[in-house]
């Protein structure tokens, strides 16, 4: 298990660790700060895919591991939001299924 964990960052040629630095703020609660960091990670994925770069978002136990946080030099106010693995795809990227918007969106008529 340890050798597997050590090799995980080697899954792709580039590993981006997205970190949220939480700050006390009257208008932006910690939850929104975490979500904003998640949105930034999502933006990186979208940009990578638009350029034909393979990109995968992972978290898992290592996102919450104290030794990993220490190794990355994270402060008590910082949280790992995502590990983004980026590189040249080895095969054609699979296309997501077409979804009907009406299955996910409804109108509120107040």
PDB file of N, CA and C in Angstrom:
ATOM      1  N   UNK A   1       0.825  -1.197   0.000  1.00  0.00           N
ATOM      2  CA  UNK A   1       0.000   0.000   0.000  1.00  0.00           C
ATOM      3  C   UNK A   1       0.871   1.263   0.000  1.00  0.00           C
ATOM      4  N   UNK A   2       1.984   1.215   0.729  1.00  0.00           N
ATOM      5  CA  UNK A   2       2.860   2.383   0.802  1.00  0.00           C
ATOM      6  C   UNK A   2       3.499   2.663  -0.555  1.00  0.00           C
ATOM      7  N   UNK A   3       3.958   1.619  -1.252  1.00  0.00           N
ATOM      8  CA  UNK A   3       4.575   1.845  -2.560  1.00  0.00           C
ATOM      9  C   UNK A   3       3.545   2.362  -3.563  1.00  0.00           C
ATOM     10  N   UNK A   4       2.298   1.904  -3.442  1.00  0.00           N
ATOM     11  CA  UNK A   4       1.233   2.410  -4.313  1.00  0.00           C
ATOM     12  C   UNK A   4       1.012   3.896  -4.048  1.00  0.00           C
ATOM     13  N   UNK A   5       0.949   4.278  -2.794  1.00  0.00           N
ATOM     14  CA  UNK A   5       0.735   5.687  -2.431  1.00  0.00           C
ATOM     15  C   UNK A   5       1.885   6.556  -2.923  1.00  0.00           C
ATOM     16  N   UNK A   6       3.101   6.053  -2.824  1.00  0.00           N
ATOM     17  CA  UNK A   6       4.264   6.822  -3.285  1.00  0.00           C
ATOM     18  C   UNK A   6       4.232   7.045  -4.793  1.00  0.00           C
ATOM     19  N   UNK A   7       3.664   6.100  -5.533  1.00  0.00           N
ATOM     20  CA  UNK A   7       3.622   6.219  -6.982  1.00  0.00           C
ATOM     21  C   UNK A   7       2.451   7.016  -7.514  1.00  0.00           C
ATOM     22  N   UNK A   8       1.490   7.336  -6.666  1.00  0.00           N
ATOM     23  CA  UNK A   8       0.286   8.021  -7.136  1.00  0.00           C
ATOM     24  C   UNK A   8       0.572   9.363  -7.819  1.00  0.00           C
ATOM     25  N   UNK A   9       1.478  10.184  -7.298  1.00  0.00           N
ATOM     26  CA  UNK A   9       1.745  11.445  -7.997  1.00  0.00           C
ATOM     27  C   UNK A   9       2.368  11.250  -9.379  1.00  0.00           C
ATOM     28  N   UNK A  10       2.839  10.044  -9.675  1.00  0.00           N
ATOM     29  CA  UNK A  10       3.491   9.775 -10.957  1.00  0.00           C
ATOM     30  C   UNK A  10       2.501   9.319 -12.024  1.00  0.00           C
ATOM     31  N   UNK A  11       1.210   9.373 -11.731  1.00  0.00           N
ATOM     32  CA  UNK A  11       0.191   8.949 -12.694  1.00  0.00           C
ATOM     33  C   UNK A  11       0.199   9.805 -13.950  1.00  0.00           C
ATOM     34  N   UNK A  12       0.633  11.037 -13.830  1.00  0.00           N
ATOM     35  CA  UNK A  12       0.617  11.975 -14.959  1.00  0.00           C
ATOM     36  C   UNK A  12       1.865  12.841 -14.882  1.00  0.00           C
ATOM     37  N   UNK A  13       2.263  13.456 -16.001  1.00  0.00           N
ATOM     38  CA  UNK A  13       3.467  14.287 -15.984  1.00  0.00           C
ATOM     39  C   UNK A  13       3.332  15.564 -15.166  1.00  0.00           C
ATOM     40  N   UNK A  14       2.101  16.012 -14.915  1.00  0.00           N
ATOM     41  CA  UNK A  14       1.911  17.228 -14.128  1.00  0.00           C
ATOM     42  C   UNK A  14       0.838  16.991 -13.082  1.00  0.00           C
ATOM     43  N   UNK A  15       1.165  17.304 -11.851  1.00  0.00           N
ATOM     44  CA  UNK A  15       0.209  17.221 -10.748  1.00  0.00           C
ATOM     45  C   UNK A  15       0.040  18.620 -10.178  1.00  0.00           C
ATOM     46  N   UNK A  16      -1.186  19.121 -10.210  1.00  0.00           N
ATOM     47  CA  UNK A  16      -1.507  20.422  -9.629  1.00  0.00           C
ATOM     48  C   UNK A  16      -2.291  20.158  -8.352  1.00  0.00           C
ATOM     49  N   UNK A  17      -1.810  20.697  -7.248  1.00  0.00           N
ATOM     50  CA  UNK A  17      -2.529  20.575  -5.984  1.00  0.00           C
ATOM     51  C   UNK A  17      -3.250  21.897  -5.753  1.00  0.00           C
ATOM     52  N   UNK A  18      -4.566  21.847  -5.731  1.00  0.00           N
ATOM     53  CA  UNK A  18      -5.375  23.046  -5.510  1.00  0.00           C
ATOM     54  C   UNK A  18      -5.633  23.161  -4.015  1.00  0.00           C
ATOM     55  N   UNK A  19      -5.248  24.306  -3.462  1.00  0.00           N
ATOM     56  CA  UNK A  19      -5.325  24.521  -2.015  1.00  0.00           C
ATOM     57  C   UNK A  19      -6.168  25.756  -1.736  1.00  0.00           C
ATOM     58  N   UNK A  20      -7.056  25.636  -0.772  1.00  0.00           N
ATOM     59  CA  UNK A  20      -7.842  26.789  -0.318  1.00  0.00           C
ATOM     60  C   UNK A  20      -7.211  27.308   0.964  1.00  0.00           C
ATOM     61  N   UNK A  21      -6.973  28.600   1.003  1.00  0.00           N
ATOM     62  CA  UNK A  21      -6.501  29.245   2.229  1.00  0.00           C
ATOM     63  C   UNK A  21      -7.702  29.962   2.833  1.00  0.00           C
ATOM     64  N   UNK A  22      -8.230  29.385   3.903  1.00  0.00           N
ATOM     65  CA  UNK A  22      -9.439  29.916   4.527  1.00  0.00           C
ATOM     66  C   UNK A  22      -9.093  31.105   5.410  1.00  0.00           C
ATOM     67  N   UNK A  23      -9.867  32.161   5.252  1.00  0.00           N
ATOM     68  CA  UNK A  23      -9.641  33.383   6.023  1.00  0.00           C
ATOM     69  C   UNK A  23     -10.942  33.802   6.686  1.00  0.00           C
ATOM     70  N   UNK A  24     -10.830  34.332   7.891  1.00  0.00           N
ATOM     71  CA  UNK A  24     -12.017  34.869   8.555  1.00  0.00           C
ATOM     72  C   UNK A  24     -12.480  36.081   7.760  1.00  0.00           C
ATOM     73  N   UNK A  25     -13.720  36.044   7.311  1.00  0.00           N
ATOM     74  CA  UNK A  25     -14.246  37.136   6.494  1.00  0.00           C
ATOM     75  C   UNK A  25     -15.746  37.247   6.761  1.00  0.00           C
ATOM     76  N   UNK A  26     -16.190  38.447   7.059  1.00  0.00           N
ATOM     77  CA  UNK A  26     -17.591  38.667   7.408  1.00  0.00           C
ATOM     78  C   UNK A  26     -18.542  38.348   6.256  1.00  0.00           C
ATOM     79  N   UNK A  27     -18.099  38.532   5.028  1.00  0.00           N
ATOM     80  CA  UNK A  27     -18.992  38.355   3.885  1.00  0.00           C
ATOM     81  C   UNK A  27     -18.752  37.075   3.084  1.00  0.00           C
ATOM     82  N   UNK A  28     -17.645  36.390   3.358  1.00  0.00           N
ATOM     83  CA  UNK A  28     -17.337  35.171   2.601  1.00  0.00           C
ATOM     84  C   UNK A  28     -17.033  34.044   3.587  1.00  0.00           C
ATOM     85  N   UNK A  29     -18.053  33.250   3.933  1.00  0.00           N
ATOM     86  CA  UNK A  29     -17.835  32.162   4.885  1.00  0.00           C
ATOM     87  C   UNK A  29     -16.872  31.099   4.340  1.00  0.00           C
ATOM     88  N   UNK A  30     -16.314  30.318   5.244  1.00  0.00           N
ATOM     89  CA  UNK A  30     -15.339  29.284   4.876  1.00  0.00           C
ATOM     90  C   UNK A  30     -15.890  28.348   3.807  1.00  0.00           C
ATOM     91  N   UNK A  31     -17.154  27.974   3.923  1.00  0.00           N
ATOM     92  CA  UNK A  31     -17.767  27.077   2.934  1.00  0.00           C
ATOM     93  C   UNK A  31     -17.664  27.670   1.530  1.00  0.00           C
ATOM     94  N   UNK A  32     -17.954  28.952   1.389  1.00  0.00           N
ATOM     95  CA  UNK A  32     -17.877  29.588   0.070  1.00  0.00           C
ATOM     96  C   UNK A  32     -16.438  29.683  -0.417  1.00  0.00           C
ATOM     97  N   UNK A  33     -15.499  29.851   0.496  1.00  0.00           N
ATOM     98  CA  UNK A  33     -14.091  29.891   0.109  1.00  0.00           C
ATOM     99  C   UNK A  33     -13.655  28.536  -0.439  1.00  0.00           C
ATOM    100  N   UNK A  34     -14.103  27.446   0.201  1.00  0.00           N
ATOM    101  CA  UNK A  34     -13.796  26.103  -0.298  1.00  0.00           C
ATOM    102  C   UNK A  34     -14.431  25.872  -1.666  1.00  0.00           C
ATOM    103  N   UNK A  35     -15.682  26.298  -1.802  1.00  0.00           N
ATOM    104  CA  UNK A  35     -16.371  26.127  -3.083  1.00  0.00           C
ATOM    105  C   UNK A  35     -15.669  26.925  -4.177  1.00  0.00           C
ATOM    106  N   UNK A  36     -15.217  28.134  -3.858  1.00  0.00           N
ATOM    107  CA  UNK A  36     -14.510  28.958  -4.844  1.00  0.00           C
ATOM    108  C   UNK A  36     -13.228  28.266  -5.310  1.00  0.00           C
ATOM    109  N   UNK A  37     -12.514  27.643  -4.383  1.00  0.00           N
ATOM    110  CA  UNK A  37     -11.304  26.905  -4.770  1.00  0.00           C
ATOM    111  C   UNK A  37     -11.673  25.718  -5.659  1.00  0.00           C
ATOM    112  N   UNK A  38     -12.795  25.065  -5.350  1.00  0.00           N
ATOM    113  CA  UNK A  38     -13.278  23.979  -6.201  1.00  0.00           C
ATOM    114  C   UNK A  38     -13.634  24.466  -7.594  1.00  0.00           C
ATOM    115  N   UNK A  39     -14.224  25.654  -7.664  1.00  0.00           N
ATOM    116  CA  UNK A  39     -14.544  26.245  -8.972  1.00  0.00           C
ATOM    117  C   UNK A  39     -13.267  26.546  -9.755  1.00  0.00           C
ATOM    118  N   UNK A  40     -12.233  26.993  -9.063  1.00  0.00           N
ATOM    119  CA  UNK A  40     -10.949  27.241  -9.727  1.00  0.00           C
ATOM    120  C   UNK A  40     -10.392  25.935 -10.293  1.00  0.00           C
ATOM    121  N   UNK A  41     -10.487  24.855  -9.512  1.00  0.00           N
ATOM    122  CA  UNK A  41     -10.025  23.550  -9.989  1.00  0.00           C
ATOM    123  C   UNK A  41     -10.821  23.129 -11.221  1.00  0.00           C
ATOM    124  N   UNK A  42     -12.114  23.335 -11.177  1.00  0.00           N
ATOM    125  CA  UNK A  42     -12.965  22.983 -12.313  1.00  0.00           C
ATOM    126  C   UNK A  42     -12.587  23.794 -13.551  1.00  0.00           C
ATOM    127  N   UNK A  43     -12.290  25.071 -13.353  1.00  0.00           N
ATOM    128  CA  UNK A  43     -11.860  25.912 -14.471  1.00  0.00           C
ATOM    129  C   UNK A  43     -10.576  25.405 -15.105  1.00  0.00           C
ATOM    130  N   UNK A  44      -9.655  24.935 -14.275  1.00  0.00           N
ATOM    131  CA  UNK A  44      -8.406  24.368 -14.801  1.00  0.00           C
ATOM    132  C   UNK A  44      -8.709  23.125 -15.638  1.00  0.00           C
ATOM    133  N   UNK A  45      -9.613  22.268 -15.144  1.00  0.00           N
ATOM    134  CA  UNK A  45      -9.990  21.075 -15.907  1.00  0.00           C
ATOM    135  C   UNK A  45     -10.614  21.446 -17.249  1.00  0.00           C
ATOM    136  N   UNK A  46     -11.534  22.410 -17.232  1.00  0.00           N
ATOM    137  CA  UNK A  46     -12.180  22.832 -18.480  1.00  0.00           C
ATOM    138  C   UNK A  46     -11.161  23.382 -19.472  1.00  0.00           C
ATOM    139  N   UNK A  47     -10.243  24.207 -18.983  1.00  0.00           N
ATOM    140  CA  UNK A  47      -9.216  24.782 -19.856  1.00  0.00           C
ATOM    141  C   UNK A  47      -8.314  23.689 -20.428  1.00  0.00           C
ATOM    142  N   UNK A  48      -7.942  22.735 -19.590  1.00  0.00           N
ATOM    143  CA  UNK A  48      -7.091  21.636 -20.063  1.00  0.00           C
ATOM    144  C   UNK A  48      -7.798  20.844 -21.156  1.00  0.00           C
ATOM    145  N   UNK A  49      -9.037  20.461 -20.901  1.00  0.00           N
ATOM    146  CA  UNK A  49      -9.781  19.685 -21.899  1.00  0.00           C
ATOM    147  C   UNK A  49      -9.969  20.476 -23.191  1.00  0.00           C
ATOM    148  N   UNK A  50     -10.190  21.782 -23.081  1.00  0.00           N
ATOM    149  CA  UNK A  50     -10.349  22.618 -24.281  1.00  0.00           C
ATOM    150  C   UNK A  50      -9.078  22.625 -25.126  1.00  0.00           C
ATOM    151  N   UNK A  51      -7.931  22.420 -24.488  1.00  0.00           N
ATOM    152  CA  UNK A  51      -6.651  22.390 -25.197  1.00  0.00           C
ATOM    153  C   UNK A  51      -6.240  20.973 -25.600  1.00  0.00           C
ATOM    154  N   UNK A  52      -7.106  19.998 -25.337  1.00  0.00           N
ATOM    155  CA  UNK A  52      -6.792  18.615 -25.681  1.00  0.00           C
ATOM    156  C   UNK A  52      -5.886  17.930 -24.679  1.00  0.00           C
ATOM    157  N   UNK A  53      -5.755  18.512 -23.508  1.00  0.00           N
ATOM    158  CA  UNK A  53      -4.926  17.934 -22.450  1.00  0.00           C
ATOM    159  C   UNK A  53      -5.812  17.055 -21.580  1.00  0.00           C
ATOM    160  N   UNK A  54      -5.349  15.866 -21.300  1.00  0.00           N
ATOM    161  CA  UNK A  54      -6.085  14.999 -20.397  1.00  0.00           C
ATOM    162  C   UNK A  54      -5.990  15.539 -18.983  1.00  0.00           C
ATOM    163  N   UNK A  55      -7.096  15.530 -18.277  1.00  0.00           N
ATOM    164  CA  UNK A  55      -7.115  16.060 -16.919  1.00  0.00           C
ATOM    165  C   UNK A  55      -8.110  15.278 -16.082  1.00  0.00           C
ATOM    166  N   UNK A  56      -7.673  14.911 -14.882  1.00  0.00           N
ATOM    167  CA  UNK A  56      -8.510  14.155 -13.956  1.00  0.00           C
ATOM    168  C   UNK A  56      -8.413  14.797 -12.585  1.00  0.00           C
ATOM    169  N   UNK A  57      -9.536  14.904 -11.896  1.00  0.00           N
ATOM    170  CA  UNK A  57      -9.609  15.454 -10.535  1.00  0.00           C
ATOM    171  C   UNK A  57      -9.702  14.280  -9.570  1.00  0.00           C
ATOM    172  N   UNK A  58      -8.806  14.245  -8.617  1.00  0.00           N
ATOM    173  CA  UNK A  58      -8.830  13.229  -7.565  1.00  0.00           C
ATOM    174  C   UNK A  58      -8.685  13.914  -6.212  1.00  0.00           C
ATOM    175  N   UNK A  59      -9.229  13.292  -5.204  1.00  0.00           N
ATOM    176  CA  UNK A  59      -8.964  13.737  -3.830  1.00  0.00           C
ATOM    177  C   UNK A  59      -8.585  12.502  -3.034  1.00  0.00           C
ATOM    178  N   UNK A  60      -9.519  11.833  -2.434  1.00  0.00           N
ATOM    179  CA  UNK A  60      -9.223  10.638  -1.664  1.00  0.00           C
ATOM    180  C   UNK A  60      -8.605  10.968  -0.319  1.00  0.00           C
ATOM    181  N   UNK A  61      -8.190   9.927   0.373  1.00  0.00           N
ATOM    182  CA  UNK A  61      -7.664  10.066   1.732  1.00  0.00           C
ATOM    183  C   UNK A  61      -6.468  11.008   1.825  1.00  0.00           C
ATOM    184  N   UNK A  62      -5.646  11.053   0.791  1.00  0.00           N
ATOM    185  CA  UNK A  62      -4.441  11.885   0.864  1.00  0.00           C
ATOM    186  C   UNK A  62      -4.750  13.379   0.898  1.00  0.00           C
ATOM    187  N   UNK A  63      -5.959  13.758   0.534  1.00  0.00           N
ATOM    188  CA  UNK A  63      -6.345  15.169   0.628  1.00  0.00           C
ATOM    189  C   UNK A  63      -6.579  15.577   2.082  1.00  0.00           C
ATOM    190  N   UNK A  64      -6.728  14.603   2.958  1.00  0.00           N
ATOM    191  CA  UNK A  64      -7.035  14.871   4.366  1.00  0.00           C
ATOM    192  C   UNK A  64      -5.950  14.342   5.306  1.00  0.00           C
ATOM    193  N   UNK A  65      -4.821  13.966   4.737  1.00  0.00           N
ATOM    194  CA  UNK A  65      -3.746  13.354   5.506  1.00  0.00           C
ATOM    195  C   UNK A  65      -2.832  14.422   6.108  1.00  0.00           C
ATOM    196  N   UNK A  66      -2.624  14.358   7.422  1.00  0.00           N
ATOM    197  CA  UNK A  66      -1.806  15.359   8.126  1.00  0.00           C
ATOM    198  C   UNK A  66      -0.356  15.347   7.641  1.00  0.00           C
ATOM    199  N   UNK A  67       0.189  14.163   7.332  1.00  0.00           N
ATOM    200  CA  UNK A  67       1.579  14.092   6.861  1.00  0.00           C
ATOM    201  C   UNK A  67       1.730  14.735   5.486  1.00  0.00           C
ATOM    202  N   UNK A  68       0.753  14.555   4.626  1.00  0.00           N
ATOM    203  CA  UNK A  68       0.794  15.183   3.304  1.00  0.00           C
ATOM    204  C   UNK A  68       0.722  16.694   3.462  1.00  0.00           C
ATOM    205  N   UNK A  69      -0.194  17.161   4.304  1.00  0.00           N
ATOM    206  CA  UNK A  69      -0.323  18.602   4.543  1.00  0.00           C
ATOM    207  C   UNK A  69       0.984  19.180   5.075  1.00  0.00           C
ATOM    208  N   UNK A  70       1.600  18.470   5.991  1.00  0.00           N
ATOM    209  CA  UNK A  70       2.877  18.925   6.546  1.00  0.00           C
ATOM    210  C   UNK A  70       3.954  18.945   5.460  1.00  0.00           C
ATOM    211  N   UNK A  71       4.004  17.897   4.653  1.00  0.00           N
ATOM    212  CA  UNK A  71       4.992  17.823   3.581  1.00  0.00           C
ATOM    213  C   UNK A  71       4.844  18.936   2.556  1.00  0.00           C
ATOM    214  N   UNK A  72       3.611  19.380   2.347  1.00  0.00           N
ATOM    215  CA  UNK A  72       3.359  20.482   1.417  1.00  0.00           C
ATOM    216  C   UNK A  72       3.515  21.845   2.086  1.00  0.00           C
ATOM    217  N   UNK A  73       3.786  21.830   3.384  1.00  0.00           N
ATOM    218  CA  UNK A  73       3.972  23.088   4.106  1.00  0.00           C
ATOM    219  C   UNK A  73       2.683  23.856   4.334  1.00  0.00           C
ATOM    220  N   UNK A  74       1.561  23.147   4.414  1.00  0.00           N
ATOM    221  CA  UNK A  74       0.281  23.821   4.596  1.00  0.00           C
ATOM    222  C   UNK A  74       0.119  24.336   6.017  1.00  0.00           C
ATOM    223  N   UNK A  75      -0.503  25.488   6.126  1.00  0.00           N
ATOM    224  CA  UNK A  75      -0.824  26.057   7.419  1.00  0.00           C
ATOM    225  C   UNK A  75      -2.137  25.486   7.929  1.00  0.00           C
ATOM    226  N   UNK A  76      -2.452  25.788   9.176  1.00  0.00           N
ATOM    227  CA  UNK A  76      -3.681  25.284   9.787  1.00  0.00           C
ATOM    228  C   UNK A  76      -4.927  25.793   9.070  1.00  0.00           C
ATOM    229  N   UNK A  77      -4.792  26.899   8.362  1.00  0.00           N
ATOM    230  CA  UNK A  77      -5.932  27.500   7.662  1.00  0.00           C
ATOM    231  C   UNK A  77      -6.032  27.068   6.201  1.00  0.00           C
ATOM    232  N   UNK A  78      -5.232  26.100   5.782  1.00  0.00           N
ATOM    233  CA  UNK A  78      -5.211  25.679   4.379  1.00  0.00           C
ATOM    234  C   UNK A  78      -5.737  24.256   4.226  1.00  0.00           C
ATOM    235  N   UNK A  79      -6.475  24.033   3.147  1.00  0.00           N
ATOM    236  CA  UNK A  79      -7.069  22.728   2.865  1.00  0.00           C
ATOM    237  C   UNK A  79      -6.781  22.325   1.421  1.00  0.00           C
ATOM    238  N   UNK A  80      -6.460  21.052   1.230  1.00  0.00           N
ATOM    239  CA  UNK A  80      -6.321  20.516  -0.124  1.00  0.00           C
ATOM    240  C   UNK A  80      -7.727  20.298  -0.672  1.00  0.00           C
ATOM    241  N   UNK A  81      -7.997  20.909  -1.804  1.00  0.00           N
ATOM    242  CA  UNK A  81      -9.306  20.804  -2.439  1.00  0.00           C
ATOM    243  C   UNK A  81      -9.276  19.759  -3.551  1.00  0.00           C
ATOM    244  N   UNK A  82      -8.157  19.670  -4.264  1.00  0.00           N
ATOM    245  CA  UNK A  82      -8.093  18.757  -5.403  1.00  0.00           C
ATOM    246  C   UNK A  82      -6.655  18.438  -5.763  1.00  0.00           C
ATOM    247  N   UNK A  83      -6.472  17.233  -6.254  1.00  0.00           N
ATOM    248  CA  UNK A  83      -5.257  16.860  -6.969  1.00  0.00           C
ATOM    249  C   UNK A  83      -5.681  16.762  -8.429  1.00  0.00           C
ATOM    250  N   UNK A  84      -5.092  17.579  -9.277  1.00  0.00           N
ATOM    251  CA  UNK A  84      -5.406  17.548 -10.702  1.00  0.00           C
ATOM    252  C   UNK A  84      -4.240  16.913 -11.446  1.00  0.00           C
ATOM    253  N   UNK A  85      -4.507  15.812 -12.107  1.00  0.00           N
ATOM    254  CA  UNK A  85      -3.499  15.112 -12.904  1.00  0.00           C
ATOM    255  C   UNK A  85      -3.679  15.540 -14.351  1.00  0.00           C
ATOM    256  N   UNK A  86      -2.616  16.097 -14.947  1.00  0.00           N
ATOM    257  CA  UNK A  86      -2.697  16.594 -16.320  1.00  0.00           C
ATOM    258  C   UNK A  86      -1.609  15.975 -17.184  1.00  0.00           C
ATOM    259  N   UNK A  87      -1.957  15.681 -18.432  1.00  0.00           N
ATOM    260  CA  UNK A  87      -0.984  15.139 -19.361  1.00  0.00           C
ATOM    261  C   UNK A  87      -1.620  14.819 -20.701  1.00  0.00           C
ATOM    262  N   UNK A  88      -0.829  14.277 -21.589  1.00  0.00           N
ATOM    263  CA  UNK A  88      -1.309  13.883 -22.908  1.00  0.00           C
ATOM    264  C   UNK A  88      -2.079  12.577 -22.776  1.00  0.00           C
ATOM    265  N   UNK A  89      -3.313  12.556 -23.246  1.00  0.00           N
ATOM    266  CA  UNK A  89      -4.090  11.316 -23.129  1.00  0.00           C
ATOM    267  C   UNK A  89      -3.449  10.186 -23.932  1.00  0.00           C
ATOM    268  N   UNK A  90      -3.483   8.980 -23.377  1.00  0.00           N
ATOM    269  CA  UNK A  90      -2.943   7.812 -24.072  1.00  0.00           C
ATOM    270  C   UNK A  90      -3.914   7.284 -25.115  1.00  0.00           C
ATOM    271  N   UNK A  91      -5.173   7.640 -24.972  1.00  0.00           N
ATOM    272  CA  UNK A  91      -6.198   7.223 -25.931  1.00  0.00           C
ATOM    273  C   UNK A  91      -7.211   8.362 -26.050  1.00  0.00           C
ATOM    274  N   UNK A  92      -8.093   8.221 -27.016  1.00  0.00           N
ATOM    275  CA  UNK A  92      -9.096   9.270 -27.219  1.00  0.00           C
ATOM    276  C   UNK A  92      -9.969   9.403 -25.972  1.00  0.00           C
ATOM    277  N   UNK A  93     -10.219  10.643 -25.583  1.00  0.00           N
ATOM    278  CA  UNK A  93     -11.045  10.881 -24.410  1.00  0.00           C
ATOM    279  C   UNK A  93     -12.473  10.435 -24.685  1.00  0.00           C
ATOM    280  N   UNK A  94     -13.088   9.799 -23.702  1.00  0.00           N
ATOM    281  CA  UNK A  94     -14.465   9.368 -23.913  1.00  0.00           C
ATOM    282  C   UNK A  94     -15.390  10.566 -23.779  1.00  0.00           C
ATOM    283  N   UNK A  95     -16.410  10.552 -24.572  1.00  0.00           N
ATOM    284  CA  UNK A  95     -17.379  11.642 -24.587  1.00  0.00           C
ATOM    285  C   UNK A  95     -18.466  11.347 -23.559  1.00  0.00           C
ATOM    286  N   UNK A  96     -18.849  12.339 -22.784  1.00  0.00           N
ATOM    287  CA  UNK A  96     -19.938  12.104 -21.835  1.00  0.00           C
ATOM    288  C   UNK A  96     -21.260  11.932 -22.582  1.00  0.00           C
ATOM    289  N   UNK A  97     -22.197  11.222 -21.977  1.00  0.00           N
ATOM    290  CA  UNK A  97     -23.488  11.045 -22.651  1.00  0.00           C
ATOM    291  C   UNK A  97     -24.231  12.380 -22.755  1.00  0.00           C
ATOM    292  N   UNK A  98     -25.023  12.507 -23.799  1.00  0.00           N
ATOM    293  CA  UNK A  98     -25.863  13.696 -23.956  1.00  0.00           C
ATOM    294  C   UNK A  98     -26.970  13.629 -22.906  1.00  0.00           C
ATOM    295  N   UNK A  99     -27.162  14.716 -22.194  1.00  0.00           N
ATOM    296  CA  UNK A  99     -28.184  14.767 -21.156  1.00  0.00           C
ATOM    297  C   UNK A  99     -29.246  15.791 -21.528  1.00  0.00           C
ATOM    298  N   UNK A 100     -30.467  15.506 -21.143  1.00  0.00           N
ATOM    299  CA  UNK A 100     -31.564  16.440 -21.384  1.00  0.00           C
ATOM    300  C   UNK A 100     -31.608  17.446 -20.235  1.00  0.00           C
ATOM    301  N   UNK A 101     -31.504  18.714 -20.564  1.00  0.00           N
ATOM    302  CA  UNK A 101     -31.481  19.772 -19.552  1.00  0.00           C
ATOM    303  C   UNK A 101     -32.715  19.695 -18.661  1.00  0.00           C
ATOM    304  N   UNK A 102     -33.864  19.407 -19.242  1.00  0.00           N
ATOM    305  CA  UNK A 102     -35.104  19.377 -18.457  1.00  0.00           C
ATOM    306  C   UNK A 102     -35.107  18.299 -17.367  1.00  0.00           C
ATOM    307  N   UNK A 103     -34.207  17.334 -17.461  1.00  0.00           N
ATOM    308  CA  UNK A 103     -34.088  16.330 -16.404  1.00  0.00           C
ATOM    309  C   UNK A 103     -33.395  16.881 -15.159  1.00  0.00           C
ATOM    310  N   UNK A 104     -32.765  18.050 -15.283  1.00  0.00           N
ATOM    311  CA  UNK A 104     -31.982  18.597 -14.184  1.00  0.00           C
ATOM    312  C   UNK A 104     -32.394  20.003 -13.771  1.00  0.00           C
ATOM    313  N   UNK A 105     -33.191  20.665 -14.601  1.00  0.00           N
ATOM    314  CA  UNK A 105     -33.555  22.056 -14.352  1.00  0.00           C
ATOM    315  C   UNK A 105     -35.070  22.173 -14.312  1.00  0.00           C
ATOM    316  N   UNK A 106     -35.559  22.912 -13.351  1.00  0.00           N
ATOM    317  CA  UNK A 106     -36.998  23.169 -13.301  1.00  0.00           C
ATOM    318  C   UNK A 106     -37.230  24.657 -13.099  1.00  0.00           C
ATOM    319  N   UNK A 107     -38.376  25.113 -13.545  1.00  0.00           N
ATOM    320  CA  UNK A 107     -38.729  26.526 -13.407  1.00  0.00           C
ATOM    321  C   UNK A 107     -39.497  26.725 -12.109  1.00  0.00           C
ATOM    322  N   UNK A 108     -39.170  27.792 -11.420  1.00  0.00           N
ATOM    323  CA  UNK A 108     -39.910  28.161 -10.218  1.00  0.00           C
ATOM    324  C   UNK A 108     -40.808  29.319 -10.586  1.00  0.00           C
ATOM    325  N   UNK A 109     -42.067  29.132 -10.418  1.00  0.00           N
ATOM    326  CA  UNK A 109     -43.030  30.152 -10.819  1.00  0.00           C
ATOM    327  C   UNK A 109     -43.611  30.895  -9.620  1.00  0.00           C
ATOM    328  N   UNK A 110     -42.840  30.972  -8.572  1.00  0.00           N
ATOM    329  CA  UNK A 110     -43.048  31.767  -7.414  1.00  0.00           C
ATOM    330  C   UNK A 110     -44.240  31.804  -6.648  1.00  0.00           C
TER     331      UNK A 110
END
